[in-house]
């Protein structure tokens, strides 16, 4: 009898779900910061 061991690293469904959630959160925070400061992200970083 063979048991399938779940991977701890790599492209797992759990990791991809959290990656998507954190990406959406970062996008919303970036847009909110731009709205509050009136500057784009590159301007805030001093690159423009």
PDB file of N, CA and C in Angstrom:
ATOM      1  N   UNK A   1       0.849  -1.185   0.000  1.00  0.00           N
ATOM      2  CA  UNK A   1       0.000   0.000   0.000  1.00  0.00           C
ATOM      3  C   UNK A   1       0.891   1.244   0.000  1.00  0.00           C
ATOM      4  N   UNK A   2       0.575   2.141  -0.902  1.00  0.00           N
ATOM      5  CA  UNK A   2       1.377   3.352  -1.044  1.00  0.00           C
ATOM      6  C   UNK A   2       0.559   4.560  -0.582  1.00  0.00           C
ATOM      7  N   UNK A   3       1.157   5.404   0.238  1.00  0.00           N
ATOM      8  CA  UNK A   3       0.470   6.624   0.670  1.00  0.00           C
ATOM      9  C   UNK A   3       1.088   7.811  -0.052  1.00  0.00           C
ATOM     10  N   UNK A   4       0.233   8.717  -0.432  1.00  0.00           N
ATOM     11  CA  UNK A   4       0.717   9.904  -1.132  1.00  0.00           C
ATOM     12  C   UNK A   4       1.026  10.986  -0.106  1.00  0.00           C
ATOM     13  N   UNK A   5       2.268  11.413  -0.080  1.00  0.00           N
ATOM     14  CA  UNK A   5       2.692  12.449   0.856  1.00  0.00           C
ATOM     15  C   UNK A   5       2.433  13.817   0.237  1.00  0.00           C
ATOM     16  N   UNK A   6       1.845  14.722   1.002  1.00  0.00           N
ATOM     17  CA  UNK A   6       1.576  16.063   0.482  1.00  0.00           C
ATOM     18  C   UNK A   6       2.857  16.883   0.483  1.00  0.00           C
ATOM     19  N   UNK A   7       3.109  17.607  -0.616  1.00  0.00           N
ATOM     20  CA  UNK A   7       4.334  18.414  -0.680  1.00  0.00           C
ATOM     21  C   UNK A   7       4.263  19.615   0.263  1.00  0.00           C
ATOM     22  N   UNK A   8       5.391  19.960   0.827  1.00  0.00           N
ATOM     23  CA  UNK A   8       5.460  21.087   1.753  1.00  0.00           C
ATOM     24  C   UNK A   8       5.877  22.374   1.050  1.00  0.00           C
ATOM     25  N   UNK A   9       6.592  22.244  -0.067  1.00  0.00           N
ATOM     26  CA  UNK A   9       7.074  23.394  -0.799  1.00  0.00           C
ATOM     27  C   UNK A   9       6.618  23.305  -2.252  1.00  0.00           C
ATOM     28  N   UNK A  10       6.660  24.442  -2.937  1.00  0.00           N
ATOM     29  CA  UNK A  10       6.356  24.435  -4.360  1.00  0.00           C
ATOM     30  C   UNK A  10       4.967  24.973  -4.660  1.00  0.00           C
ATOM     31  N   UNK A  11       4.499  24.650  -5.848  1.00  0.00           N
ATOM     32  CA  UNK A  11       3.222  25.169  -6.324  1.00  0.00           C
ATOM     33  C   UNK A  11       2.073  24.299  -5.833  1.00  0.00           C
ATOM     34  N   UNK A  12       1.731  24.450  -4.576  1.00  0.00           N
ATOM     35  CA  UNK A  12       0.606  23.712  -4.021  1.00  0.00           C
ATOM     36  C   UNK A  12      -0.627  24.600  -4.063  1.00  0.00           C
ATOM     37  N   UNK A  13      -1.778  23.988  -3.938  1.00  0.00           N
ATOM     38  CA  UNK A  13      -3.034  24.758  -3.962  1.00  0.00           C
ATOM     39  C   UNK A  13      -3.083  25.743  -2.795  1.00  0.00           C
ATOM     40  N   UNK A  14      -2.616  25.325  -1.639  1.00  0.00           N
ATOM     41  CA  UNK A  14      -2.599  26.197  -0.464  1.00  0.00           C
ATOM     42  C   UNK A  14      -1.719  27.418  -0.699  1.00  0.00           C
ATOM     43  N   UNK A  15      -0.509  27.185  -1.240  1.00  0.00           N
ATOM     44  CA  UNK A  15       0.424  28.291  -1.476  1.00  0.00           C
ATOM     45  C   UNK A  15      -0.116  29.250  -2.528  1.00  0.00           C
ATOM     46  N   UNK A  16      -0.720  28.721  -3.580  1.00  0.00           N
ATOM     47  CA  UNK A  16      -1.241  29.573  -4.639  1.00  0.00           C
ATOM     48  C   UNK A  16      -2.450  30.377  -4.167  1.00  0.00           C
ATOM     49  N   UNK A  17      -3.262  29.802  -3.299  1.00  0.00           N
ATOM     50  CA  UNK A  17      -4.406  30.531  -2.746  1.00  0.00           C
ATOM     51  C   UNK A  17      -3.926  31.729  -1.939  1.00  0.00           C
ATOM     52  N   UNK A  18      -2.941  31.514  -1.066  1.00  0.00           N
ATOM     53  CA  UNK A  18      -2.426  32.618  -0.256  1.00  0.00           C
ATOM     54  C   UNK A  18      -1.664  33.628  -1.101  1.00  0.00           C
ATOM     55  N   UNK A  19      -0.972  33.167  -2.123  1.00  0.00           N
ATOM     56  CA  UNK A  19      -0.266  34.076  -3.014  1.00  0.00           C
ATOM     57  C   UNK A  19      -1.265  35.010  -3.697  1.00  0.00           C
ATOM     58  N   UNK A  20      -2.376  34.481  -4.152  1.00  0.00           N
ATOM     59  CA  UNK A  20      -3.403  35.299  -4.787  1.00  0.00           C
ATOM     60  C   UNK A  20      -4.024  36.297  -3.825  1.00  0.00           C
ATOM     61  N   UNK A  21      -4.305  35.844  -2.620  1.00  0.00           N
ATOM     62  CA  UNK A  21      -4.903  36.741  -1.614  1.00  0.00           C
ATOM     63  C   UNK A  21      -3.969  37.897  -1.266  1.00  0.00           C
ATOM     64  N   UNK A  22      -2.689  37.579  -1.072  1.00  0.00           N
ATOM     65  CA  UNK A  22      -1.729  38.627  -0.718  1.00  0.00           C
ATOM     66  C   UNK A  22      -1.480  39.577  -1.889  1.00  0.00           C
ATOM     67  N   UNK A  23      -1.525  39.056  -3.111  1.00  0.00           N
ATOM     68  CA  UNK A  23      -1.365  39.915  -4.287  1.00  0.00           C
ATOM     69  C   UNK A  23      -2.537  40.897  -4.398  1.00  0.00           C
ATOM     70  N   UNK A  24      -3.744  40.411  -4.156  1.00  0.00           N
ATOM     71  CA  UNK A  24      -4.917  41.294  -4.199  1.00  0.00           C
ATOM     72  C   UNK A  24      -4.843  42.350  -3.104  1.00  0.00           C
ATOM     73  N   UNK A  25      -4.401  41.957  -1.922  1.00  0.00           N
ATOM     74  CA  UNK A  25      -4.257  42.896  -0.815  1.00  0.00           C
ATOM     75  C   UNK A  25      -3.219  43.964  -1.149  1.00  0.00           C
ATOM     76  N   UNK A  26      -2.093  43.562  -1.708  1.00  0.00           N
ATOM     77  CA  UNK A  26      -1.059  44.514  -2.092  1.00  0.00           C
ATOM     78  C   UNK A  26      -1.532  45.476  -3.158  1.00  0.00           C
ATOM     79  N   UNK A  27      -2.304  44.988  -4.112  1.00  0.00           N
ATOM     80  CA  UNK A  27      -2.834  45.837  -5.169  1.00  0.00           C
ATOM     81  C   UNK A  27      -3.783  46.890  -4.592  1.00  0.00           C
ATOM     82  N   UNK A  28      -4.669  46.484  -3.703  1.00  0.00           N
ATOM     83  CA  UNK A  28      -5.613  47.414  -3.082  1.00  0.00           C
ATOM     84  C   UNK A  28      -4.886  48.446  -2.231  1.00  0.00           C
ATOM     85  N   UNK A  29      -3.876  48.024  -1.494  1.00  0.00           N
ATOM     86  CA  UNK A  29      -3.097  48.960  -0.679  1.00  0.00           C
ATOM     87  C   UNK A  29      -2.357  49.946  -1.571  1.00  0.00           C
ATOM     88  N   UNK A  30      -1.821  49.482  -2.691  1.00  0.00           N
ATOM     89  CA  UNK A  30      -1.125  50.365  -3.625  1.00  0.00           C
ATOM     90  C   UNK A  30      -2.054  51.411  -4.217  1.00  0.00           C
ATOM     91  N   UNK A  31      -3.247  50.995  -4.624  1.00  0.00           N
ATOM     92  CA  UNK A  31      -4.220  51.943  -5.183  1.00  0.00           C
ATOM     93  C   UNK A  31      -4.663  52.937  -4.117  1.00  0.00           C
ATOM     94  N   UNK A  32      -4.927  52.465  -2.904  1.00  0.00           N
ATOM     95  CA  UNK A  32      -5.350  53.360  -1.819  1.00  0.00           C
ATOM     96  C   UNK A  32      -4.260  54.372  -1.491  1.00  0.00           C
ATOM     97  N   UNK A  33      -3.008  53.947  -1.498  1.00  0.00           N
ATOM     98  CA  UNK A  33      -1.894  54.850  -1.214  1.00  0.00           C
ATOM     99  C   UNK A  33      -1.787  55.920  -2.293  1.00  0.00           C
ATOM    100  N   UNK A  34      -1.974  55.511  -3.548  1.00  0.00           N
ATOM    101  CA  UNK A  34      -1.936  56.490  -4.630  1.00  0.00           C
ATOM    102  C   UNK A  34      -3.066  57.505  -4.492  1.00  0.00           C
ATOM    103  N   UNK A  35      -4.246  57.046  -4.111  1.00  0.00           N
ATOM    104  CA  UNK A  35      -5.376  57.970  -3.946  1.00  0.00           C
ATOM    105  C   UNK A  35      -5.157  58.937  -2.784  1.00  0.00           C
ATOM    106  N   UNK A  36      -4.576  58.445  -1.695  1.00  0.00           N
ATOM    107  CA  UNK A  36      -4.373  59.285  -0.516  1.00  0.00           C
ATOM    108  C   UNK A  36      -3.241  60.295  -0.700  1.00  0.00           C
ATOM    109  N   UNK A  37      -2.183  59.909  -1.403  1.00  0.00           N
ATOM    110  CA  UNK A  37      -1.037  60.806  -1.539  1.00  0.00           C
ATOM    111  C   UNK A  37      -1.065  61.637  -2.810  1.00  0.00           C
ATOM    112  N   UNK A  38      -1.808  61.186  -3.822  1.00  0.00           N
ATOM    113  CA  UNK A  38      -1.843  61.910  -5.085  1.00  0.00           C
ATOM    114  C   UNK A  38      -0.619  61.655  -5.944  1.00  0.00           C
ATOM    115  N   UNK A  39       0.222  60.709  -5.549  1.00  0.00           N
ATOM    116  CA  UNK A  39       1.427  60.375  -6.295  1.00  0.00           C
ATOM    117  C   UNK A  39       1.392  58.897  -6.668  1.00  0.00           C
ATOM    118  N   UNK A  40       2.012  58.583  -7.794  1.00  0.00           N
ATOM    119  CA  UNK A  40       2.141  57.190  -8.172  1.00  0.00           C
ATOM    120  C   UNK A  40       3.201  56.486  -7.358  1.00  0.00           C
ATOM    121  N   UNK A  41       3.267  55.190  -7.505  1.00  0.00           N
ATOM    122  CA  UNK A  41       4.224  54.414  -6.725  1.00  0.00           C
ATOM    123  C   UNK A  41       5.665  54.797  -7.079  1.00  0.00           C
ATOM    124  N   UNK A  42       5.925  55.001  -8.363  1.00  0.00           N
ATOM    125  CA  UNK A  42       7.295  55.372  -8.759  1.00  0.00           C
ATOM    126  C   UNK A  42       7.686  56.735  -8.191  1.00  0.00           C
ATOM    127  N   UNK A  43       6.747  57.665  -8.126  1.00  0.00           N
ATOM    128  CA  UNK A  43       7.028  58.972  -7.538  1.00  0.00           C
ATOM    129  C   UNK A  43       7.301  58.865  -6.039  1.00  0.00           C
ATOM    130  N   UNK A  44       6.560  58.016  -5.383  1.00  0.00           N
ATOM    131  CA  UNK A  44       6.752  57.819  -3.950  1.00  0.00           C
ATOM    132  C   UNK A  44       8.122  57.227  -3.651  1.00  0.00           C
ATOM    133  N   UNK A  45       8.605  56.382  -4.541  1.00  0.00           N
ATOM    134  CA  UNK A  45       9.917  55.769  -4.355  1.00  0.00           C
ATOM    135  C   UNK A  45      11.053  56.670  -4.814  1.00  0.00           C
ATOM    136  N   UNK A  46      10.716  57.802  -5.425  1.00  0.00           N
ATOM    137  CA  UNK A  46      11.734  58.749  -5.886  1.00  0.00           C
ATOM    138  C   UNK A  46      12.360  58.360  -7.211  1.00  0.00           C
ATOM    139  N   UNK A  47      11.681  57.533  -7.988  1.00  0.00           N
ATOM    140  CA  UNK A  47      12.224  57.091  -9.263  1.00  0.00           C
ATOM    141  C   UNK A  47      11.765  57.964 -10.428  1.00  0.00           C
ATOM    142  N   UNK A  48      10.836  58.850 -10.181  1.00  0.00           N
ATOM    143  CA  UNK A  48      10.354  59.739 -11.246  1.00  0.00           C
ATOM    144  C   UNK A  48      10.318  61.180 -10.731  1.00  0.00           C
TER     145      UNK A  48
END
